[in-house]
Amino acid sequence: MVIERFGLCKLDKEDEQLRFDIIMKALDLIELEKIDVPVFSDDQVVDFALEWSNVNSDLSRSARRLFSYKVEGITGLKWVQKNYSISRLRVMYDFSEYCDWIMPDEIIQHFKDVLKVFMALEGVRPSWCSVPFHLFLQVAYTKIFSEHRTKIIIAWLSDNWEEATDFFENNRGTLASFPWDSHIEVSHIFTQYKRFRE
């Protein structure tokens, strides 16, 4: 088991399951995308954990401003799309969301050597990124997934219009055939449904 293998600290059942899921997705992705995990020093691991200190809304706004920063002839947002799969961004997003609520020393306690896997997934921070890189990737994922989500919903609506109409207009049935994702809610489907209907 991951907890025993990496000597991770014990958490309550719900947090432990959440951490386990995040770690397993990261390990699967490392294998799937054949991402090399370099040898990181203890100092690099500590520096990585410290990046979650003092993250605030001003930094988030600065991160969003980097979307339009020109790098290698493309915007910062396009640079992310070019260099990171949606799956990789999702794993980093879930990891960041988990770490946003704990202190840097707890990040180290909760993840120990597995932090190196997330460091490899994050990759090297580009010189033009003036905010913590995990934060830039986190807000980029939110923007990119919003567009990705719309495409998923529109494709599903085109093939399942009657099911959607039954659900939204006639209060019948379910949206059982929809390819659910934890970042997609019924309200997102309804918004696109209304646009289609108009």
C-alpha atoms as a PDB file:
ATOM      1  CA  MET A   1       0.000   0.000   0.000  1.00  0.00           C
ATOM      2  CA  VAL A   2       1.157   3.545  -0.783  1.00  0.00           C
ATOM      3  CA  ILE A   3       1.079   4.654   2.877  1.00  0.00           C
ATOM      4  CA  GLU A   4       3.344   1.830   3.998  1.00  0.00           C
ATOM      5  CA  ARG A   5       5.579   1.966   0.939  1.00  0.00           C
ATOM      6  CA  PHE A   6       6.388   5.655   1.288  1.00  0.00           C
ATOM      7  CA  GLY A   7       5.979   5.929   5.070  1.00  0.00           C
ATOM      8  CA  LEU A   8       3.260   8.565   4.736  1.00  0.00           C
ATOM      9  CA  CYS A   9       1.654  10.005   7.850  1.00  0.00           C
ATOM     10  CA  LYS A  10      -1.733   8.657   8.917  1.00  0.00           C
ATOM     11  CA  LEU A  11      -4.773  10.816   8.235  1.00  0.00           C
ATOM     12  CA  ASP A  12      -8.446  10.378   8.886  1.00  0.00           C
ATOM     13  CA  LYS A  13     -10.139   7.973   6.468  1.00  0.00           C
ATOM     14  CA  GLU A  14     -11.555  10.615   4.105  1.00  0.00           C
ATOM     15  CA  ASP A  15      -8.306  12.604   3.807  1.00  0.00           C
ATOM     16  CA  GLU A  16      -6.296   9.436   3.469  1.00  0.00           C
ATOM     17  CA  GLN A  17      -8.493   8.273   0.568  1.00  0.00           C
ATOM     18  CA  LEU A  18      -8.217  11.676  -1.114  1.00  0.00           C
ATOM     19  CA  ARG A  19      -4.421  11.661  -0.780  1.00  0.00           C
ATOM     20  CA  PHE A  20      -4.279   8.044  -2.013  1.00  0.00           C
ATOM     21  CA  ASP A  21      -6.364   8.921  -5.112  1.00  0.00           C
ATOM     22  CA  ILE A  22      -4.178  11.932  -5.931  1.00  0.00           C
ATOM     23  CA  ILE A  23      -0.985   9.894  -5.545  1.00  0.00           C
ATOM     24  CA  MET A  24      -2.267   6.991  -7.657  1.00  0.00           C
ATOM     25  CA  LYS A  25      -3.353   9.327 -10.465  1.00  0.00           C
ATOM     26  CA  ALA A  26       0.085  10.954 -10.379  1.00  0.00           C
ATOM     27  CA  LEU A  27       1.912   7.611 -10.489  1.00  0.00           C
ATOM     28  CA  ASP A  28      -0.322   6.361 -13.326  1.00  0.00           C
ATOM     29  CA  LEU A  29       0.290   9.550 -15.298  1.00  0.00           C
ATOM     30  CA  ILE A  30       4.070   9.392 -14.815  1.00  0.00           C
ATOM     31  CA  GLU A  31       3.951   5.914 -16.336  1.00  0.00           C
ATOM     32  CA  LEU A  32       1.430   6.749 -19.080  1.00  0.00           C
ATOM     33  CA  GLU A  33       3.192   9.904 -20.295  1.00  0.00           C
ATOM     34  CA  LYS A  34       6.653   8.442 -19.622  1.00  0.00           C
ATOM     35  CA  ILE A  35       7.712  11.432 -17.524  1.00  0.00           C
ATOM     36  CA  ASP A  36      11.179  11.132 -16.026  1.00  0.00           C
ATOM     37  CA  VAL A  37      11.439  11.736 -12.273  1.00  0.00           C
ATOM     38  CA  PRO A  38      14.845  13.367 -11.743  1.00  0.00           C
ATOM     39  CA  VAL A  39      16.872  13.059  -8.578  1.00  0.00           C
ATOM     40  CA  PHE A  40      15.833  16.011  -6.416  1.00  0.00           C
ATOM     41  CA  SER A  41      17.760  17.165  -3.354  1.00  0.00           C
ATOM     42  CA  ASP A  42      16.099  17.606   0.037  1.00  0.00           C
ATOM     43  CA  ASP A  43      16.497  21.381  -0.368  1.00  0.00           C
ATOM     44  CA  GLN A  44      14.622  21.285  -3.684  1.00  0.00           C
ATOM     45  CA  VAL A  45      11.802  19.309  -2.058  1.00  0.00           C
ATOM     46  CA  VAL A  46      11.543  21.848   0.775  1.00  0.00           C
ATOM     47  CA  ASP A  47      11.584  24.750  -1.722  1.00  0.00           C
ATOM     48  CA  PHE A  48       8.794  23.041  -3.676  1.00  0.00           C
ATOM     49  CA  ALA A  49       6.630  22.705  -0.530  1.00  0.00           C
ATOM     50  CA  LEU A  50       7.363  26.313   0.470  1.00  0.00           C
ATOM     51  CA  GLU A  51       5.788  27.548  -2.774  1.00  0.00           C
ATOM     52  CA  TRP A  52       2.398  27.036  -1.104  1.00  0.00           C
ATOM     53  CA  SER A  53       3.228  29.708   1.496  1.00  0.00           C
ATOM     54  CA  ASN A  54       1.530  33.067   1.214  1.00  0.00           C
ATOM     55  CA  VAL A  55      -0.421  32.313  -1.970  1.00  0.00           C
ATOM     56  CA  ASN A  56      -3.192  34.909  -2.155  1.00  0.00           C
ATOM     57  CA  SER A  57      -5.733  36.403  -4.551  1.00  0.00           C
ATOM     58  CA  ASP A  58      -3.235  39.026  -5.760  1.00  0.00           C
ATOM     59  CA  LEU A  59      -0.905  36.245  -6.877  1.00  0.00           C
ATOM     60  CA  SER A  60      -3.813  34.474  -8.579  1.00  0.00           C
ATOM     61  CA  ARG A  61      -4.608  37.652 -10.528  1.00  0.00           C
ATOM     62  CA  SER A  62      -0.934  37.960 -11.494  1.00  0.00           C
ATOM     63  CA  ALA A  63      -1.000  34.338 -12.655  1.00  0.00           C
ATOM     64  CA  ARG A  64      -4.025  35.052 -14.880  1.00  0.00           C
ATOM     65  CA  ARG A  65      -2.259  38.067 -16.372  1.00  0.00           C
ATOM     66  CA  LEU A  66       0.477  35.687 -17.543  1.00  0.00           C
ATOM     67  CA  PHE A  67      -2.091  34.002 -19.831  1.00  0.00           C
ATOM     68  CA  SER A  68      -1.540  36.768 -22.377  1.00  0.00           C
ATOM     69  CA  TYR A  69       2.245  37.084 -21.837  1.00  0.00           C
ATOM     70  CA  LYS A  70       4.002  36.333 -25.122  1.00  0.00           C
ATOM     71  CA  VAL A  71       6.539  33.516 -24.980  1.00  0.00           C
ATOM     72  CA  GLU A  72       8.085  31.737 -27.964  1.00  0.00           C
ATOM     73  CA  GLY A  73       5.577  33.516 -30.236  1.00  0.00           C
ATOM     74  CA  ILE A  74       2.511  32.276 -28.332  1.00  0.00           C
ATOM     75  CA  THR A  75       0.634  33.330 -25.199  1.00  0.00           C
ATOM     76  CA  GLY A  76       1.454  31.893 -21.788  1.00  0.00           C
ATOM     77  CA  LEU A  77      -1.848  29.997 -21.841  1.00  0.00           C
ATOM     78  CA  LYS A  78      -1.101  28.469 -25.260  1.00  0.00           C
ATOM     79  CA  TRP A  79       2.374  27.567 -23.970  1.00  0.00           C
ATOM     80  CA  VAL A  80       0.729  25.543 -21.188  1.00  0.00           C
ATOM     81  CA  GLN A  81      -1.609  23.828 -23.672  1.00  0.00           C
ATOM     82  CA  LYS A  82       1.356  22.999 -25.894  1.00  0.00           C
ATOM     83  CA  ASN A  83       3.490  21.548 -23.078  1.00  0.00           C
ATOM     84  CA  TYR A  84       0.957  19.924 -20.707  1.00  0.00           C
ATOM     85  CA  SER A  85      -1.816  17.417 -21.330  1.00  0.00           C
ATOM     86  CA  ILE A  86      -5.191  18.091 -19.732  1.00  0.00           C
ATOM     87  CA  SER A  87      -4.617  14.972 -17.586  1.00  0.00           C
ATOM     88  CA  ARG A  88      -1.296  16.275 -16.309  1.00  0.00           C
ATOM     89  CA  LEU A  89      -2.809  19.660 -15.486  1.00  0.00           C
ATOM     90  CA  ARG A  90      -5.695  17.916 -13.723  1.00  0.00           C
ATOM     91  CA  VAL A  91      -3.377  15.871 -11.499  1.00  0.00           C
ATOM     92  CA  MET A  92      -1.394  19.003 -10.603  1.00  0.00           C
ATOM     93  CA  TYR A  93      -4.638  20.910  -9.987  1.00  0.00           C
ATOM     94  CA  ASP A  94      -5.954  18.241  -7.586  1.00  0.00           C
ATOM     95  CA  PHE A  95      -2.592  18.099  -5.823  1.00  0.00           C
ATOM     96  CA  SER A  96      -2.483  21.902  -5.513  1.00  0.00           C
ATOM     97  CA  GLU A  97      -6.051  22.026  -4.193  1.00  0.00           C
ATOM     98  CA  TYR A  98      -5.061  19.527  -1.508  1.00  0.00           C
ATOM     99  CA  CYS A  99      -1.918  21.486  -0.592  1.00  0.00           C
ATOM    100  CA  ASP A 100      -3.701  24.855  -0.552  1.00  0.00           C
ATOM    101  CA  TRP A 101      -5.232  23.919   2.820  1.00  0.00           C
ATOM    102  CA  ILE A 102      -2.138  22.708   4.648  1.00  0.00           C
ATOM    103  CA  MET A 103       1.185  24.189   5.708  1.00  0.00           C
ATOM    104  CA  PRO A 104       4.452  23.470   3.839  1.00  0.00           C
ATOM    105  CA  ASP A 105       5.738  21.213   6.632  1.00  0.00           C
ATOM    106  CA  GLU A 106       2.461  19.260   6.458  1.00  0.00           C
ATOM    107  CA  ILE A 107       2.836  18.919   2.683  1.00  0.00           C
ATOM    108  CA  ILE A 108       6.189  17.237   3.324  1.00  0.00           C
ATOM    109  CA  GLN A 109       4.714  15.046   6.096  1.00  0.00           C
ATOM    110  CA  HIS A 110       1.708  14.051   3.985  1.00  0.00           C
ATOM    111  CA  PHE A 111       3.632  13.196   0.802  1.00  0.00           C
ATOM    112  CA  LYS A 112       7.302  12.563   1.754  1.00  0.00           C
ATOM    113  CA  ASP A 113       9.193  11.073  -1.245  1.00  0.00           C
ATOM    114  CA  VAL A 114       6.073  11.142  -3.437  1.00  0.00           C
ATOM    115  CA  LEU A 115       6.560  14.927  -3.623  1.00  0.00           C
ATOM    116  CA  LYS A 116       9.286  14.207  -6.172  1.00  0.00           C
ATOM    117  CA  VAL A 117       6.650  12.700  -8.468  1.00  0.00           C
ATOM    118  CA  PHE A 118       4.625  15.928  -8.317  1.00  0.00           C
ATOM    119  CA  MET A 119       7.785  17.978  -8.840  1.00  0.00           C
ATOM    120  CA  ALA A 120       8.419  15.982 -12.037  1.00  0.00           C
ATOM    121  CA  LEU A 121       4.802  16.477 -13.152  1.00  0.00           C
ATOM    122  CA  GLU A 122       5.047  20.206 -12.532  1.00  0.00           C
ATOM    123  CA  GLY A 123       8.239  20.433 -14.573  1.00  0.00           C
ATOM    124  CA  VAL A 124      10.739  23.250 -14.677  1.00  0.00           C
ATOM    125  CA  ARG A 125       9.364  26.689 -13.958  1.00  0.00           C
ATOM    126  CA  PRO A 126       9.980  28.907 -16.999  1.00  0.00           C
ATOM    127  CA  SER A 127      11.970  32.097 -16.380  1.00  0.00           C
ATOM    128  CA  TRP A 128       9.025  34.290 -17.460  1.00  0.00           C
ATOM    129  CA  CYS A 129       6.705  32.854 -14.781  1.00  0.00           C
ATOM    130  CA  SER A 130       6.726  35.451 -12.002  1.00  0.00           C
ATOM    131  CA  VAL A 131       4.382  33.564  -9.645  1.00  0.00           C
ATOM    132  CA  PRO A 132       4.672  30.134  -8.027  1.00  0.00           C
ATOM    133  CA  PHE A 133       4.557  27.759 -10.987  1.00  0.00           C
ATOM    134  CA  HIS A 134       2.015  25.406  -9.386  1.00  0.00           C
ATOM    135  CA  LEU A 135      -0.341  28.388  -9.052  1.00  0.00           C
ATOM    136  CA  PHE A 136       0.096  29.355 -12.705  1.00  0.00           C
ATOM    137  CA  LEU A 137      -0.655  25.765 -13.773  1.00  0.00           C
ATOM    138  CA  GLN A 138      -3.622  25.668 -11.384  1.00  0.00           C
ATOM    139  CA  VAL A 139      -5.307  28.768 -12.819  1.00  0.00           C
ATOM    140  CA  ALA A 140      -4.373  27.709 -16.361  1.00  0.00           C
ATOM    141  CA  TYR A 141      -6.096  24.361 -15.800  1.00  0.00           C
ATOM    142  CA  THR A 142      -9.252  26.159 -14.654  1.00  0.00           C
ATOM    143  CA  LYS A 143      -9.339  28.184 -17.877  1.00  0.00           C
ATOM    144  CA  ILE A 144      -8.361  25.311 -20.173  1.00  0.00           C
ATOM    145  CA  PHE A 145     -10.774  22.865 -18.552  1.00  0.00           C
ATOM    146  CA  SER A 146     -13.616  25.357 -18.931  1.00  0.00           C
ATOM    147  CA  GLU A 147     -13.122  25.218 -22.719  1.00  0.00           C
ATOM    148  CA  HIS A 148     -12.577  21.437 -22.619  1.00  0.00           C
ATOM    149  CA  ARG A 149     -15.765  20.976 -20.562  1.00  0.00           C
ATOM    150  CA  THR A 150     -17.810  22.990 -23.081  1.00  0.00           C
ATOM    151  CA  LYS A 151     -16.588  20.765 -25.939  1.00  0.00           C
ATOM    152  CA  ILE A 152     -17.482  17.602 -23.982  1.00  0.00           C
ATOM    153  CA  ILE A 153     -20.970  18.935 -23.197  1.00  0.00           C
ATOM    154  CA  ILE A 154     -21.683  20.135 -26.746  1.00  0.00           C
ATOM    155  CA  ALA A 155     -20.578  16.783 -28.210  1.00  0.00           C
ATOM    156  CA  TRP A 156     -22.805  14.935 -25.733  1.00  0.00           C
ATOM    157  CA  LEU A 157     -25.808  17.221 -26.378  1.00  0.00           C
ATOM    158  CA  SER A 158     -25.551  16.677 -30.137  1.00  0.00           C
ATOM    159  CA  ASP A 159     -25.870  12.916 -29.635  1.00  0.00           C
ATOM    160  CA  ASN A 160     -28.266  12.921 -26.649  1.00  0.00           C
ATOM    161  CA  TRP A 161     -30.638  15.833 -27.207  1.00  0.00           C
ATOM    162  CA  GLU A 162     -33.782  13.847 -26.325  1.00  0.00           C
ATOM    163  CA  GLU A 163     -32.277  12.642 -23.035  1.00  0.00           C
ATOM    164  CA  ALA A 164     -31.315  16.231 -22.161  1.00  0.00           C
ATOM    165  CA  THR A 165     -34.768  17.552 -23.120  1.00  0.00           C
ATOM    166  CA  ASP A 166     -36.490  14.893 -21.014  1.00  0.00           C
ATOM    167  CA  PHE A 167     -34.331  15.810 -18.055  1.00  0.00           C
ATOM    168  CA  PHE A 168     -34.409  19.615 -18.312  1.00  0.00           C
ATOM    169  CA  GLU A 169     -37.884  20.204 -19.787  1.00  0.00           C
ATOM    170  CA  ASN A 170     -40.001  17.256 -18.653  1.00  0.00           C
ATOM    171  CA  ASN A 171     -38.339  16.408 -15.303  1.00  0.00           C
ATOM    172  CA  ARG A 172     -37.988  12.815 -16.488  1.00  0.00           C
ATOM    173  CA  GLY A 173     -35.046  10.489 -16.614  1.00  0.00           C
ATOM    174  CA  THR A 174     -31.453  11.160 -15.719  1.00  0.00           C
ATOM    175  CA  LEU A 175     -28.325  12.234 -17.518  1.00  0.00           C
ATOM    176  CA  ALA A 176     -26.921   8.722 -17.066  1.00  0.00           C
ATOM    177  CA  SER A 177     -25.166   8.566 -20.435  1.00  0.00           C
ATOM    178  CA  PHE A 178     -23.187  11.750 -19.752  1.00  0.00           C
ATOM    179  CA  PRO A 179     -19.422  11.141 -19.264  1.00  0.00           C
ATOM    180  CA  TRP A 180     -19.311  12.655 -15.765  1.00  0.00           C
ATOM    181  CA  ASP A 181     -16.233  14.300 -14.346  1.00  0.00           C
ATOM    182  CA  SER A 182     -15.974  15.784 -10.862  1.00  0.00           C
ATOM    183  CA  HIS A 183     -15.355  19.206 -12.425  1.00  0.00           C
ATOM    184  CA  ILE A 184     -18.584  19.100 -14.458  1.00  0.00           C
ATOM    185  CA  GLU A 185     -21.902  19.883 -12.810  1.00  0.00           C
ATOM    186  CA  VAL A 186     -25.509  19.719 -14.016  1.00  0.00           C
ATOM    187  CA  SER A 187     -25.554  23.532 -14.166  1.00  0.00           C
ATOM    188  CA  HIS A 188     -22.752  23.464 -16.781  1.00  0.00           C
ATOM    189  CA  ILE A 189     -24.786  21.086 -18.953  1.00  0.00           C
ATOM    190  CA  PHE A 190     -27.909  23.200 -18.512  1.00  0.00           C
ATOM    191  CA  THR A 191     -26.060  26.370 -19.575  1.00  0.00           C
ATOM    192  CA  GLN A 192     -24.986  24.750 -22.844  1.00  0.00           C
ATOM    193  CA  TYR A 193     -28.434  23.174 -23.279  1.00  0.00           C
ATOM    194  CA  LYS A 194     -30.053  26.622 -23.077  1.00  0.00           C
ATOM    195  CA  ARG A 195     -27.574  28.006 -25.629  1.00  0.00           C
ATOM    196  CA  PHE A 196     -28.319  25.128 -28.004  1.00  0.00           C
ATOM    197  CA  ARG A 197     -32.071  25.617 -27.585  1.00  0.00           C
ATOM    198  CA  GLU A 198     -31.997  29.381 -28.340  1.00  0.00           C
END
